[in-house]
Amino acid sequence: MESIALSNLINADVYTPGGRHAANVVEFIVDPNVGVVRFIRLSINAKRDILLPWAAVTYAKSGSGFILTHMGEKVLESRLEEATATRSR
């Protein structure tokens, strides 16, 4: 099993399952009681941060960054819609 320092993954690219660039990694939220990443904070166009569950992404075997799972893509779209609706109020 390969290990990677989380600090090396900050600013990593995040892609949709279709290969479109969706975001960049801002930070990882770790559960200190068990040492497991629970959430990932993504920056969308350097304008908006979105928090997603760790299960919403997978690490690309090519090492090029992360790929949203299909569930992750839906959660991201939902969070973006919520943020847009909140801003327009």
Protein backbone atom coordinates (compact mmCIF):
# COMPACT_ATOMS: atom_id res chain seq x y z
CA MET A 1 0.00 0.00 0.00
CA GLU A 2 1.40 3.36 -1.02
CA SER A 3 1.30 6.28 1.40
CA ILE A 4 1.22 9.96 0.50
CA ALA A 5 1.63 12.94 2.82
CA LEU A 6 -1.55 15.01 2.89
CA SER A 7 0.53 18.16 2.49
CA ASN A 8 1.55 16.88 -0.97
CA LEU A 9 -2.11 16.74 -1.97
CA ILE A 10 -3.07 20.33 -1.16
CA ASN A 11 -4.01 22.12 -4.41
CA ALA A 12 -4.41 18.77 -6.17
CA ASP A 13 -6.88 18.82 -9.04
CA VAL A 14 -10.31 17.22 -8.67
CA TYR A 15 -12.09 15.94 -11.78
CA THR A 16 -15.60 14.76 -12.58
CA PRO A 17 -16.00 11.12 -13.63
CA GLY A 18 -16.14 12.45 -17.20
CA GLY A 19 -12.72 14.08 -16.88
CA ARG A 20 -13.76 17.74 -16.51
CA HIS A 21 -11.80 19.79 -13.96
CA ALA A 22 -14.15 20.56 -11.06
CA ALA A 23 -12.07 21.95 -8.19
CA ASN A 24 -8.83 21.97 -6.24
CA VAL A 25 -8.14 20.54 -2.80
CA VAL A 26 -7.91 23.14 -0.03
CA GLU A 27 -7.69 20.91 3.04
CA PHE A 28 -8.43 17.53 4.57
CA ILE A 29 -10.48 17.17 7.75
CA VAL A 30 -9.21 14.30 9.91
CA ASP A 31 -10.99 12.58 12.79
CA PRO A 32 -8.25 12.78 15.44
CA ASN A 33 -9.72 9.91 17.44
CA VAL A 34 -9.06 7.37 14.70
CA GLY A 35 -6.69 9.18 12.34
CA VAL A 36 -9.02 8.92 9.34
CA VAL A 37 -9.84 11.60 6.77
CA ARG A 38 -13.58 12.34 7.05
CA PHE A 39 -14.01 15.36 4.76
CA ILE A 40 -12.25 17.17 1.96
CA ARG A 41 -12.59 20.91 1.36
CA LEU A 42 -12.55 21.91 -2.29
CA SER A 43 -12.09 25.30 -3.90
CA ILE A 44 -14.34 25.97 -6.88
CA ASN A 45 -12.78 28.48 -9.28
CA ALA A 46 -10.84 29.95 -6.32
CA LYS A 47 -14.08 31.71 -5.33
CA ARG A 48 -16.04 29.26 -3.21
CA ASP A 49 -15.12 26.42 -0.85
CA ILE A 50 -17.25 23.30 -0.60
CA LEU A 51 -16.93 20.59 2.06
CA LEU A 52 -17.55 17.04 0.84
CA PRO A 53 -17.41 13.69 2.62
CA TRP A 54 -14.18 11.80 1.98
CA ALA A 55 -16.19 9.04 0.29
CA ALA A 56 -17.12 11.56 -2.44
CA VAL A 57 -13.66 11.30 -4.03
CA THR A 58 -11.14 8.66 -5.03
CA TYR A 59 -7.44 9.16 -5.62
CA ALA A 60 -6.53 8.84 -9.29
CA LYS A 61 -4.22 5.89 -9.87
CA SER A 62 -2.28 8.05 -12.31
CA GLY A 63 -1.41 10.38 -9.42
CA SER A 64 -2.98 13.32 -11.23
CA GLY A 65 -5.30 14.20 -8.35
CA PHE A 66 -8.77 13.08 -7.34
CA ILE A 67 -11.87 11.95 -9.18
CA LEU A 68 -15.33 12.64 -7.82
CA THR A 69 -17.42 9.54 -7.39
CA HIS A 70 -20.84 9.71 -9.06
CA MET A 71 -22.29 10.36 -5.61
CA GLY A 72 -19.63 13.02 -5.04
CA GLU A 73 -20.52 14.74 -8.29
CA LYS A 74 -24.19 14.89 -7.24
CA VAL A 75 -23.29 16.19 -3.76
CA LEU A 76 -21.03 18.85 -5.29
CA GLU A 77 -23.78 19.99 -7.67
CA SER A 78 -26.26 20.11 -4.78
CA ARG A 79 -23.89 22.13 -2.57
CA LEU A 80 -23.21 24.57 -5.41
CA GLU A 81 -26.97 25.03 -5.98
CA GLU A 82 -27.49 25.61 -2.23
CA ALA A 83 -24.70 28.19 -2.12
CA THR A 84 -26.08 29.99 -5.18
CA ALA A 85 -29.58 30.06 -3.68
CA THR A 86 -28.26 31.38 -0.37
CA ARG A 87 -26.29 34.17 -2.06
CA SER A 88 -29.26 35.30 -4.14
CA ARG A 89 -31.48 35.85 -1.08
